[in-house]
Amino acid sequence: MNLMGRMPHSSVLATIAVTRSAQGYRAHVVLRGPSGSGARLLEDERCDVLVDSVAVLIALSIPSPASPDTGSALSLVLWPGARVSSGTLPNVAAGVGAAIALEGLGSFRLELHGAYYFPQSTTFEQTTLGGDFQLFTVGACICRLWSFESVQGGPCAGAEVHHVSASGFGGAIELPGSTTWWGPSLRLFARAQLLPVFGISIAVEGVVPMSRPQFVFSDVGPLHRVGVVALQASVGPEVRF
């Protein structure tokens, strides 16, 4: 205890067998711990010197306890990347986005994210009457992460706001319009940590709209309606600060 300056490691077991011979004293020491086991044979003419040698051997064999701050420091994470969305616009939409996350709160990750999707157009069948659509999203979520070697991942829950702007074309009057809706989201997140400050992350997410607005031409009918579920995928590099 005095040599180690701390309590012995609870997962280390020491077995010591001491015998006496004509030459002095002999100690057979067997240590078993998380990293394996080993044995040493110590001898000395004096019993008190042998006892001190055994104590030193045990003290040097016990791993130092992890610092209380290890793995608990807060980290700021930036995540730019590519985005794909289906269900909000008439066709599958591609875009770019970014997220900022806070990690180190136990096993949790707090994230704010946003995305811009490239404009797309759609028309009524066999007509030139249609609309141009554009999508912006913002959201927040909390994730519970587990680590498997250099891979971290887990489920996330949160909410997102989708803003869709549209402008009709092909008619006598072209009127722009927009709508905003929100919904709860569930996500599966995974990250491959390639370096201590750099990784590649991917997420697959579903958002359930609390309302399903539709875009209508008054003299023709509905051109598009938001889907029952909006599916999204994100991939890109993550940088940790």
Protein backbone atom coordinates (compact mmCIF):
# COMPACT_ATOMS: atom_id res chain seq x y z
CA MET A 1 0.00 0.00 0.00
CA ASN A 2 2.75 2.47 0.93
CA LEU A 3 4.73 1.56 -2.18
CA MET A 4 1.72 1.95 -4.49
CA GLY A 5 0.20 5.05 -2.88
CA ARG A 6 -3.30 3.77 -3.73
CA MET A 7 -5.63 0.86 -3.23
CA PRO A 8 -4.72 -2.28 -5.22
CA HIS A 9 -6.52 -2.76 -8.51
CA SER A 10 -9.68 -4.78 -7.80
CA SER A 11 -9.22 -6.92 -10.92
CA VAL A 12 -5.64 -8.02 -10.09
CA LEU A 13 -5.18 -11.21 -8.05
CA ALA A 14 -1.82 -12.13 -6.50
CA THR A 15 -1.06 -15.63 -5.19
CA ILE A 16 2.16 -16.00 -3.17
CA ALA A 17 3.71 -19.24 -1.90
CA VAL A 18 6.72 -18.84 0.45
CA THR A 19 9.06 -21.71 1.29
CA ARG A 20 12.26 -21.95 3.33
CA SER A 21 15.43 -23.72 2.22
CA ALA A 22 19.01 -24.06 3.39
CA GLN A 23 19.97 -21.03 1.25
CA GLY A 24 17.22 -18.76 2.64
CA TYR A 25 13.65 -17.97 1.55
CA ARG A 26 11.87 -18.45 -1.76
CA ALA A 27 8.59 -16.82 -2.96
CA HIS A 28 6.61 -18.05 -5.95
CA VAL A 29 4.38 -15.16 -7.08
CA VAL A 30 1.53 -15.58 -9.58
CA LEU A 31 -0.29 -12.47 -10.83
CA ARG A 32 -3.58 -12.57 -12.75
CA GLY A 33 -5.18 -9.46 -14.24
CA PRO A 34 -7.26 -8.10 -17.15
CA SER A 35 -4.31 -8.36 -19.56
CA GLY A 36 -3.31 -11.92 -18.64
CA SER A 37 -1.23 -13.75 -16.03
CA GLY A 38 2.42 -14.32 -15.15
CA ALA A 39 4.64 -15.93 -12.54
CA ARG A 40 7.94 -14.95 -10.90
CA LEU A 41 10.28 -16.72 -8.51
CA LEU A 42 12.10 -14.54 -5.94
CA GLU A 43 14.81 -15.67 -3.50
CA ASP A 44 16.75 -14.03 -0.69
CA GLU A 45 18.64 -15.04 2.45
CA ARG A 46 16.58 -12.66 4.59
CA CYS A 47 12.83 -12.93 4.96
CA ASP A 48 12.23 -9.18 5.39
CA VAL A 49 14.15 -8.38 2.19
CA LEU A 50 12.14 -11.02 0.31
CA VAL A 51 8.88 -9.48 1.58
CA ASP A 52 9.93 -6.05 0.28
CA SER A 53 10.88 -7.55 -3.10
CA VAL A 54 7.46 -9.22 -3.42
CA ALA A 55 5.73 -5.94 -2.55
CA VAL A 56 7.74 -4.05 -5.19
CA LEU A 57 6.94 -6.72 -7.80
CA ILE A 58 3.21 -6.49 -7.11
CA ALA A 59 3.27 -2.68 -7.12
CA LEU A 60 5.00 -2.57 -10.50
CA SER A 61 2.62 -5.14 -11.97
CA ILE A 62 -0.57 -3.26 -11.12
CA PRO A 63 -1.78 -0.94 -13.94
CA SER A 64 -2.22 2.71 -13.14
CA PRO A 65 -5.87 3.69 -12.79
CA ALA A 66 -7.35 5.77 -15.57
CA SER A 67 -7.55 9.46 -14.93
CA PRO A 68 -11.07 10.57 -13.87
CA ASP A 69 -11.09 12.99 -16.80
CA THR A 70 -10.26 10.34 -19.42
CA GLY A 71 -13.00 10.21 -22.05
CA SER A 72 -15.14 12.79 -20.23
CA ALA A 73 -13.80 15.99 -21.82
CA LEU A 74 -16.32 17.86 -23.94
CA SER A 75 -15.64 17.87 -27.67
CA LEU A 76 -17.04 20.10 -30.39
CA VAL A 77 -17.64 18.28 -33.67
CA LEU A 78 -18.21 19.80 -37.12
CA TRP A 79 -19.84 17.62 -39.78
CA PRO A 80 -20.21 18.94 -43.35
CA GLY A 81 -21.47 16.53 -45.96
CA ALA A 82 -23.78 15.45 -48.72
CA ARG A 83 -27.52 14.97 -48.17
CA VAL A 84 -30.25 13.01 -49.95
CA SER A 85 -33.96 13.37 -49.19
CA SER A 86 -37.10 11.59 -50.37
CA GLY A 87 -40.71 12.38 -49.57
CA THR A 88 -40.68 16.15 -49.17
CA LEU A 89 -40.18 17.16 -52.82
CA PRO A 90 -41.73 15.51 -55.89
CA ASN A 91 -38.49 13.64 -56.68
CA VAL A 92 -35.49 12.46 -54.70
CA ALA A 93 -33.50 15.58 -53.80
CA ALA A 94 -29.73 15.96 -53.40
CA GLY A 95 -28.11 18.70 -51.39
CA VAL A 96 -25.41 19.80 -48.99
CA GLY A 97 -25.56 20.38 -45.27
CA ALA A 98 -23.64 20.80 -42.06
CA ALA A 99 -24.01 19.88 -38.42
CA ILE A 100 -22.41 20.98 -35.16
CA ALA A 101 -22.41 18.52 -32.27
CA LEU A 102 -21.33 18.37 -28.64
CA GLU A 103 -19.94 15.09 -27.29
CA GLY A 104 -18.49 14.04 -23.96
CA LEU A 105 -21.72 14.24 -21.96
CA GLY A 106 -21.46 10.62 -20.89
CA SER A 107 -22.33 8.55 -23.95
CA PHE A 108 -24.58 11.19 -25.49
CA ARG A 109 -24.25 13.44 -28.53
CA LEU A 110 -26.22 16.69 -28.95
CA GLU A 111 -26.50 17.90 -32.52
CA LEU A 112 -27.86 20.85 -34.51
CA HIS A 113 -27.99 20.45 -38.29
CA GLY A 114 -29.25 22.10 -41.44
CA ALA A 115 -29.30 21.40 -45.18
CA TYR A 116 -29.96 23.05 -48.53
CA TYR A 117 -31.30 20.91 -51.38
CA PHE A 118 -30.80 21.76 -55.02
CA PRO A 119 -33.87 23.02 -56.92
CA GLN A 120 -35.95 20.62 -58.98
CA SER A 121 -38.93 20.87 -61.35
CA THR A 122 -41.92 18.68 -62.08
CA THR A 123 -44.89 18.93 -64.45
CA PHE A 124 -48.32 17.43 -64.90
CA GLU A 125 -48.30 14.48 -67.26
CA GLN A 126 -48.34 15.40 -70.96
CA THR A 127 -48.33 19.14 -70.23
CA THR A 128 -45.84 21.94 -69.81
CA LEU A 129 -47.63 23.08 -66.66
CA GLY A 130 -45.61 22.50 -63.51
CA GLY A 131 -43.59 23.97 -60.68
CA ASP A 132 -40.07 24.63 -59.43
CA PHE A 133 -39.35 23.43 -55.88
CA GLN A 134 -36.64 24.17 -53.35
CA LEU A 135 -36.09 22.73 -49.86
CA PHE A 136 -34.32 23.93 -46.69
CA THR A 137 -34.21 21.94 -43.44
CA VAL A 138 -33.04 22.56 -39.87
CA GLY A 139 -33.20 20.18 -36.95
CA ALA A 140 -31.82 18.97 -33.65
CA CYS A 141 -31.36 15.55 -32.10
CA ILE A 142 -29.80 13.68 -29.20
CA CYS A 143 -27.96 10.40 -29.76
CA ARG A 144 -26.90 7.54 -27.51
CA LEU A 145 -23.55 6.26 -28.76
CA TRP A 146 -21.73 2.99 -28.22
CA SER A 147 -18.11 2.31 -29.20
CA PHE A 148 -16.81 -0.78 -30.99
CA GLU A 149 -13.06 -0.40 -31.48
CA SER A 150 -12.74 2.63 -33.82
CA VAL A 151 -16.46 2.72 -34.70
CA GLN A 152 -19.11 4.62 -32.75
CA GLY A 153 -22.83 4.59 -33.40
CA GLY A 154 -26.32 4.41 -32.04
CA PRO A 155 -29.90 5.69 -32.28
CA CYS A 156 -30.96 9.34 -32.23
CA ALA A 157 -34.25 11.09 -31.57
CA GLY A 158 -35.13 14.67 -32.41
CA ALA A 159 -37.22 16.97 -34.59
CA GLU A 160 -36.85 18.75 -37.92
CA VAL A 161 -38.39 21.74 -39.67
CA HIS A 162 -38.77 21.64 -43.48
CA HIS A 163 -39.36 24.76 -45.54
CA VAL A 164 -40.43 24.26 -49.15
CA SER A 165 -40.73 27.09 -51.63
CA ALA A 166 -42.43 26.60 -55.02
CA SER A 167 -43.17 28.61 -58.10
CA GLY A 168 -45.59 27.51 -60.84
CA PHE A 169 -44.80 27.82 -64.51
CA GLY A 170 -46.61 27.22 -67.79
CA GLY A 171 -49.84 28.99 -66.87
CA ALA A 172 -51.16 32.41 -67.59
CA ILE A 173 -50.07 33.64 -64.16
CA GLU A 174 -47.02 32.34 -62.30
CA LEU A 175 -47.49 32.67 -58.55
CA PRO A 176 -44.80 31.69 -56.00
CA GLY A 177 -45.71 30.04 -52.72
CA SER A 178 -44.09 28.36 -49.75
CA THR A 179 -44.95 26.18 -46.77
CA THR A 180 -43.25 25.06 -43.58
CA TRP A 181 -43.87 21.90 -41.61
CA TRP A 182 -42.17 20.02 -38.78
CA GLY A 183 -42.08 16.51 -37.43
CA PRO A 184 -40.32 14.17 -34.99
CA SER A 185 -37.33 12.26 -36.33
CA LEU A 186 -35.59 8.95 -35.65
CA ARG A 187 -32.05 8.36 -36.87
CA LEU A 188 -29.36 5.70 -36.98
CA PHE A 189 -25.90 7.26 -36.74
CA ALA A 190 -22.47 5.66 -37.26
CA ARG A 191 -18.90 7.00 -37.38
CA ALA A 192 -15.57 5.44 -38.31
CA GLN A 193 -12.90 7.25 -36.27
CA LEU A 194 -9.89 7.23 -38.61
CA LEU A 195 -7.80 9.64 -36.51
CA PRO A 196 -8.30 11.15 -33.03
CA VAL A 197 -9.64 14.36 -34.62
CA PHE A 198 -11.02 13.02 -37.90
CA GLY A 199 -13.67 10.51 -38.90
CA ILE A 200 -16.26 9.63 -41.53
CA SER A 201 -19.91 9.69 -40.43
CA ILE A 202 -23.15 8.47 -41.94
CA ALA A 203 -26.77 8.78 -40.83
CA VAL A 204 -30.10 7.44 -42.06
CA GLU A 205 -33.18 9.25 -40.79
CA GLY A 206 -36.94 9.25 -40.99
CA VAL A 207 -39.12 12.31 -40.29
CA VAL A 208 -42.90 12.07 -39.81
CA PRO A 209 -44.66 15.30 -40.93
CA MET A 210 -47.20 16.71 -38.48
CA SER A 211 -48.98 18.11 -41.53
CA ARG A 212 -48.88 17.15 -45.22
CA PRO A 213 -49.25 20.32 -47.29
CA GLN A 214 -49.92 20.03 -51.01
CA PHE A 215 -49.19 22.28 -53.97
CA VAL A 216 -52.26 22.86 -56.15
CA PHE A 217 -52.99 24.53 -59.48
CA SER A 218 -56.49 25.91 -59.07
CA ASP A 219 -57.58 25.04 -62.61
CA VAL A 220 -55.83 21.64 -62.80
CA GLY A 221 -55.48 20.13 -59.32
CA PRO A 222 -52.72 19.04 -56.94
CA LEU A 223 -49.23 18.83 -58.39
CA HIS A 224 -47.46 17.47 -55.30
CA ARG A 225 -48.13 16.53 -51.67
CA VAL A 226 -45.60 15.90 -48.90
CA GLY A 227 -45.20 12.18 -48.20
CA VAL A 228 -46.25 10.27 -45.10
CA VAL A 229 -42.57 9.89 -44.14
CA ALA A 230 -39.57 11.89 -45.29
CA LEU A 231 -36.47 9.67 -45.58
CA GLN A 232 -33.02 11.23 -45.47
CA ALA A 233 -29.41 10.10 -45.62
CA SER A 234 -26.23 12.04 -44.77
CA VAL A 235 -22.55 11.25 -45.22
CA GLY A 236 -19.38 13.27 -44.78
CA PRO A 237 -16.21 13.88 -42.76
CA GLU A 238 -16.27 14.89 -39.10
CA VAL A 239 -13.64 17.08 -37.46
CA ARG A 240 -13.28 17.14 -33.68
CA PHE A 241 -12.01 20.13 -31.68
